[in-house]
Amino acid sequence: MDKLKYLVPNGCTAFSLVLGLASVVNSIHGNLELAAWMVLWGVLLDKLDGTFARLLNASSPFGAQLDSFADFVSFGIAPSALFYFGLADNEMVNTLWLQTGCVTFVVATAARLARFNVSEPPMGHLMFYGIPTTFMGAISASGFLTWKHFQWQDETMAIVPFFLFLASIAMVSSVKLPKIKLHKNMALNIFQGVNVLTAYVIAPLQMWPQVLFVQGLFYVIVGVIWYAVNPPSLEEEVETVPQTAH
């Protein structure tokens, strides 16, 4: 019976992997909005697997490796497929640059996951080094859905190759980003909690992708600037909630 508890977090991880594969298939067949939502659902599952693992005391090396494989598919390959098949016919997007950007994004995702599978950076329990693949997948998918939602002109997507290059650099960089965890400031804890709960409500209902996009961008931009101005200190934290995001 004790081994059965591992089925819950690993099941979430496996389902996230399946969603990543399904997203790629839907992108190939032109079901682009569904493909993007599947990436976002994978993000939610990626957070749940770590939560269940801690609650059930069911963390394991196997689960950690499975999580990396799922992240590679769901937040590396799937977003790249979404952009490639979604913009391949867009005359305003340079095809060669788009292909190069998609390949670079996948390679950067793999490099980031491999890096943190074999090393633990200093103060890694407090912060991310580089932007996690989970966040980058969420920003990519929600950004694509926001473009579709507002029916922006094709010209606006000409920046996608540049975004993919920038995102790739951000993932493998050592820029510091705070982890979502408990702080001494109750208002900050409430703000974080509300944003997380909002994502778990609107994403399954396929509502307001622009909200998810703004949430992701806001967290990354403000978080990076905050740690650049105020480097983290162990004394400032009351509790750290470990993250599985890479």
Protein backbone atom coordinates (compact mmCIF):
# COMPACT_ATOMS: atom_id res chain seq x y z
CA MET A 1 0.00 0.00 0.00
CA ASP A 2 2.85 2.37 0.78
CA LYS A 3 4.00 2.27 -2.82
CA LEU A 4 0.55 3.22 -4.10
CA LYS A 5 0.98 6.77 -2.83
CA TYR A 6 3.55 7.36 -5.56
CA LEU A 7 0.86 6.80 -8.19
CA VAL A 8 -0.78 10.14 -7.41
CA PRO A 9 2.11 12.56 -8.12
CA ASN A 10 3.56 10.37 -10.86
CA GLY A 11 0.10 10.05 -12.39
CA CYS A 12 -0.17 13.85 -12.58
CA THR A 13 3.25 13.98 -14.21
CA ALA A 14 2.34 11.28 -16.72
CA PHE A 15 -0.90 13.06 -17.57
CA SER A 16 1.06 16.28 -18.14
CA LEU A 17 3.31 14.36 -20.55
CA VAL A 18 0.24 13.01 -22.40
CA LEU A 19 -1.18 16.52 -22.65
CA GLY A 20 2.09 17.70 -24.17
CA LEU A 21 1.95 14.99 -26.81
CA ALA A 22 -1.73 15.73 -27.49
CA SER A 23 -0.87 19.42 -27.84
CA VAL A 24 1.69 18.63 -30.54
CA VAL A 25 -0.82 16.47 -32.43
CA ASN A 26 -3.47 19.20 -32.25
CA SER A 27 -0.97 21.80 -33.47
CA ILE A 28 -0.16 19.61 -36.47
CA HIS A 29 -3.86 19.29 -37.30
CA GLY A 30 -4.55 22.99 -36.90
CA ASN A 31 -6.44 22.84 -33.60
CA LEU A 32 -4.21 25.59 -32.29
CA GLU A 33 -6.31 27.02 -29.47
CA LEU A 34 -6.91 23.58 -27.96
CA ALA A 35 -3.19 22.84 -28.32
CA ALA A 36 -2.36 26.01 -26.38
CA TRP A 37 -4.84 25.24 -23.62
CA MET A 38 -3.32 21.77 -23.27
CA VAL A 39 0.06 23.36 -22.56
CA LEU A 40 -1.57 25.46 -19.83
CA TRP A 41 -3.31 22.42 -18.35
CA GLY A 42 0.08 20.75 -18.25
CA VAL A 43 1.37 23.71 -16.24
CA LEU A 44 -1.36 23.17 -13.64
CA LEU A 45 -0.54 19.46 -13.42
CA ASP A 46 3.16 20.23 -13.11
CA LYS A 47 2.38 22.23 -9.97
CA LEU A 48 0.02 19.59 -8.61
CA ASP A 49 2.49 16.72 -8.87
CA GLY A 50 4.95 18.47 -6.59
CA THR A 51 2.21 19.41 -4.14
CA PHE A 52 0.91 15.84 -3.95
CA ALA A 53 4.44 14.48 -3.61
CA ARG A 54 5.03 16.66 -0.54
CA LEU A 55 1.63 16.04 1.03
CA LEU A 56 1.93 12.28 0.62
CA ASN A 57 5.68 12.17 1.30
CA ALA A 58 5.96 10.49 -2.09
CA SER A 59 8.98 12.23 -3.63
CA SER A 60 11.40 9.94 -5.43
CA PRO A 61 14.32 10.07 -7.91
CA PHE A 62 12.08 8.29 -10.42
CA GLY A 63 9.43 11.00 -10.06
CA ALA A 64 12.02 13.73 -10.51
CA GLN A 65 13.30 12.19 -13.75
CA LEU A 66 9.78 11.59 -15.05
CA ASP A 67 8.97 15.22 -14.28
CA SER A 68 11.90 16.37 -16.41
CA PHE A 69 10.79 14.26 -19.37
CA ALA A 70 7.25 15.63 -19.05
CA ASP A 71 8.55 19.21 -18.85
CA PHE A 72 10.65 18.71 -21.97
CA VAL A 73 7.64 17.55 -23.98
CA SER A 74 4.96 19.84 -22.53
CA PHE A 75 6.95 23.06 -22.17
CA GLY A 76 9.68 22.58 -24.76
CA ILE A 77 8.38 20.64 -27.75
CA ALA A 78 4.67 21.51 -27.45
CA PRO A 79 5.05 25.34 -27.39
CA SER A 80 7.53 25.16 -30.26
CA ALA A 81 5.10 23.06 -32.30
CA LEU A 82 2.32 25.50 -31.44
CA PHE A 83 4.26 28.47 -32.79
CA TYR A 84 5.64 26.63 -35.80
CA PHE A 85 2.37 25.19 -37.09
CA GLY A 86 0.43 28.25 -35.99
CA LEU A 87 2.63 30.71 -37.87
CA ALA A 88 4.06 28.67 -40.74
CA ASP A 89 1.56 30.26 -43.15
CA ASN A 90 1.93 33.77 -41.72
CA GLU A 91 3.60 35.80 -44.46
CA MET A 92 4.73 38.38 -41.92
CA VAL A 93 6.88 35.82 -40.05
CA ASN A 94 10.22 34.84 -41.56
CA THR A 95 10.06 31.04 -41.95
CA LEU A 96 13.78 30.42 -41.49
CA TRP A 97 13.93 32.56 -38.36
CA LEU A 98 10.81 30.85 -37.03
CA GLN A 99 12.28 27.39 -37.57
CA THR A 100 15.58 28.42 -35.99
CA GLY A 101 13.78 29.98 -33.04
CA CYS A 102 11.68 26.87 -32.42
CA VAL A 103 14.73 24.59 -32.55
CA THR A 104 16.67 26.90 -30.22
CA PHE A 105 13.76 26.93 -27.75
CA VAL A 106 13.65 23.11 -27.63
CA VAL A 107 17.41 22.80 -27.18
CA ALA A 108 17.42 25.45 -24.44
CA THR A 109 14.64 23.61 -22.62
CA ALA A 110 16.62 20.37 -22.72
CA ALA A 111 19.80 22.13 -21.58
CA ARG A 112 18.04 23.75 -18.63
CA LEU A 113 16.46 20.50 -17.47
CA ALA A 114 19.75 18.62 -17.77
CA ARG A 115 21.59 21.38 -15.89
CA PHE A 116 19.40 21.20 -12.83
CA ASN A 117 19.12 17.41 -12.91
CA VAL A 118 22.84 17.16 -12.14
CA SER A 119 23.40 20.23 -9.96
CA GLU A 120 21.80 22.17 -7.13
CA PRO A 121 22.60 25.89 -7.26
CA PRO A 122 23.33 27.80 -4.04
CA MET A 123 20.16 29.02 -2.31
CA GLY A 124 18.18 27.04 -4.85
CA HIS A 125 15.48 26.50 -2.24
CA LEU A 126 14.76 30.24 -2.30
CA MET A 127 14.97 31.10 -5.97
CA PHE A 128 15.13 29.92 -9.53
CA TYR A 129 18.25 30.48 -11.62
CA GLY A 130 16.95 31.35 -15.05
CA ILE A 131 13.27 31.33 -15.99
CA PRO A 132 11.72 27.88 -15.37
CA THR A 133 10.45 25.92 -18.34
CA THR A 134 7.00 25.76 -16.74
CA PHE A 135 6.65 29.54 -16.64
CA MET A 136 8.02 29.91 -20.15
CA GLY A 137 5.54 27.34 -21.45
CA ALA A 138 2.71 29.17 -19.69
CA ILE A 139 3.72 32.57 -21.09
CA SER A 140 4.12 31.13 -24.60
CA ALA A 141 0.73 29.38 -24.67
CA SER A 142 -1.22 32.17 -22.97
CA GLY A 143 0.44 34.74 -25.25
CA PHE A 144 -0.62 32.76 -28.32
CA LEU A 145 -4.19 32.53 -27.00
CA THR A 146 -4.22 36.26 -26.23
CA TRP A 147 -3.24 36.97 -29.85
CA LYS A 148 -6.12 34.77 -31.01
CA HIS A 149 -8.55 36.22 -28.47
CA PHE A 150 -8.04 39.82 -29.57
CA GLN A 151 -7.66 38.86 -33.25
CA TRP A 152 -4.55 40.97 -33.62
CA GLN A 153 -3.07 41.46 -37.07
CA ASP A 154 -0.57 38.94 -38.44
CA GLU A 155 2.10 41.63 -38.29
CA THR A 156 2.10 41.47 -34.49
CA MET A 157 3.44 37.90 -34.60
CA ALA A 158 6.52 38.88 -36.58
CA ILE A 159 8.31 39.20 -33.21
CA VAL A 160 7.80 35.53 -32.33
CA PRO A 161 11.25 34.36 -33.53
CA PHE A 162 12.83 37.10 -31.42
CA PHE A 163 10.69 36.03 -28.45
CA LEU A 164 11.81 32.42 -28.87
CA PHE A 165 15.48 33.44 -28.89
CA LEU A 166 14.98 35.69 -25.86
CA ALA A 167 13.06 32.97 -24.02
CA SER A 168 15.81 30.45 -24.76
CA ILE A 169 18.47 32.76 -23.32
CA ALA A 170 16.30 33.46 -20.27
CA MET A 171 15.88 29.75 -19.51
CA VAL A 172 19.60 28.93 -19.57
CA SER A 173 20.71 32.16 -17.93
CA SER A 174 21.49 32.64 -14.24
CA VAL A 175 19.02 35.49 -13.75
CA LYS A 176 17.36 35.12 -10.34
CA LEU A 177 13.62 34.70 -9.89
CA PRO A 178 11.90 34.23 -6.49
CA LYS A 179 9.96 31.05 -5.90
CA ILE A 180 6.28 31.15 -4.99
CA LYS A 181 6.26 30.46 -1.24
CA LEU A 182 5.26 31.87 2.11
CA HIS A 183 6.67 35.23 3.17
CA LYS A 184 6.47 37.33 6.32
CA ASN A 185 4.28 39.82 4.45
CA MET A 186 0.68 38.53 4.70
CA ALA A 187 -0.53 40.83 1.90
CA LEU A 188 2.07 39.30 -0.43
CA ASN A 189 0.99 35.78 0.57
CA ILE A 190 -2.65 36.63 -0.16
CA PHE A 191 -1.69 38.18 -3.50
CA GLN A 192 0.23 35.04 -4.50
CA GLY A 193 -2.58 32.75 -3.34
CA VAL A 194 -5.25 34.64 -5.24
CA ASN A 195 -3.23 34.55 -8.44
CA VAL A 196 -2.58 30.81 -8.16
CA LEU A 197 -6.24 30.06 -7.43
CA THR A 198 -7.29 32.28 -10.34
CA ALA A 199 -5.15 30.24 -12.72
CA TYR A 200 -6.65 26.98 -11.48
CA VAL A 201 -10.16 28.30 -12.09
CA ILE A 202 -9.92 30.06 -15.46
CA ALA A 203 -7.50 27.72 -17.27
CA PRO A 204 -9.68 24.57 -16.98
CA LEU A 205 -12.66 26.66 -18.09
CA GLN A 206 -10.67 28.05 -21.04
CA MET A 207 -11.46 31.63 -20.01
CA TRP A 208 -9.54 34.91 -20.19
CA PRO A 209 -6.13 33.78 -21.50
CA GLN A 210 -5.03 37.41 -21.37
CA VAL A 211 -5.24 37.27 -17.57
CA LEU A 212 -2.90 34.28 -17.49
CA PHE A 213 -0.55 36.01 -19.91
CA VAL A 214 -0.38 39.18 -17.81
CA GLN A 215 0.07 37.13 -14.63
CA GLY A 216 3.02 35.26 -16.10
CA LEU A 217 4.72 38.34 -17.51
CA PHE A 218 4.14 40.34 -14.33
CA TYR A 219 5.62 37.64 -12.11
CA VAL A 220 8.72 37.18 -14.26
CA ILE A 221 9.44 40.87 -14.87
CA VAL A 222 8.76 42.06 -11.31
CA GLY A 223 10.45 39.03 -9.76
CA VAL A 224 13.66 39.47 -11.75
CA ILE A 225 13.80 43.20 -11.01
CA TRP A 226 13.03 42.62 -7.33
CA TYR A 227 15.88 40.16 -6.81
CA ALA A 228 18.24 42.34 -8.83
CA VAL A 229 17.54 45.23 -6.45
CA ASN A 230 16.98 43.19 -3.27
CA PRO A 231 19.11 40.01 -3.25
CA PRO A 232 17.49 37.23 -1.17
CA SER A 233 18.58 36.45 2.37
CA LEU A 234 17.78 33.35 4.38
CA GLU A 235 16.70 35.42 7.36
CA GLU A 236 13.87 37.06 5.41
CA GLU A 237 12.04 33.81 4.72
CA VAL A 238 9.74 32.11 7.22
CA GLU A 239 9.07 29.02 5.17
CA THR A 240 10.05 27.70 1.77
CA VAL A 241 7.71 25.62 -0.35
CA PRO A 242 9.88 23.44 -2.64
CA GLN A 243 9.10 23.64 -6.33
CA THR A 244 9.37 21.03 -9.05
CA ALA A 245 9.47 23.57 -11.85
CA HIS A 246 12.64 23.55 -13.93
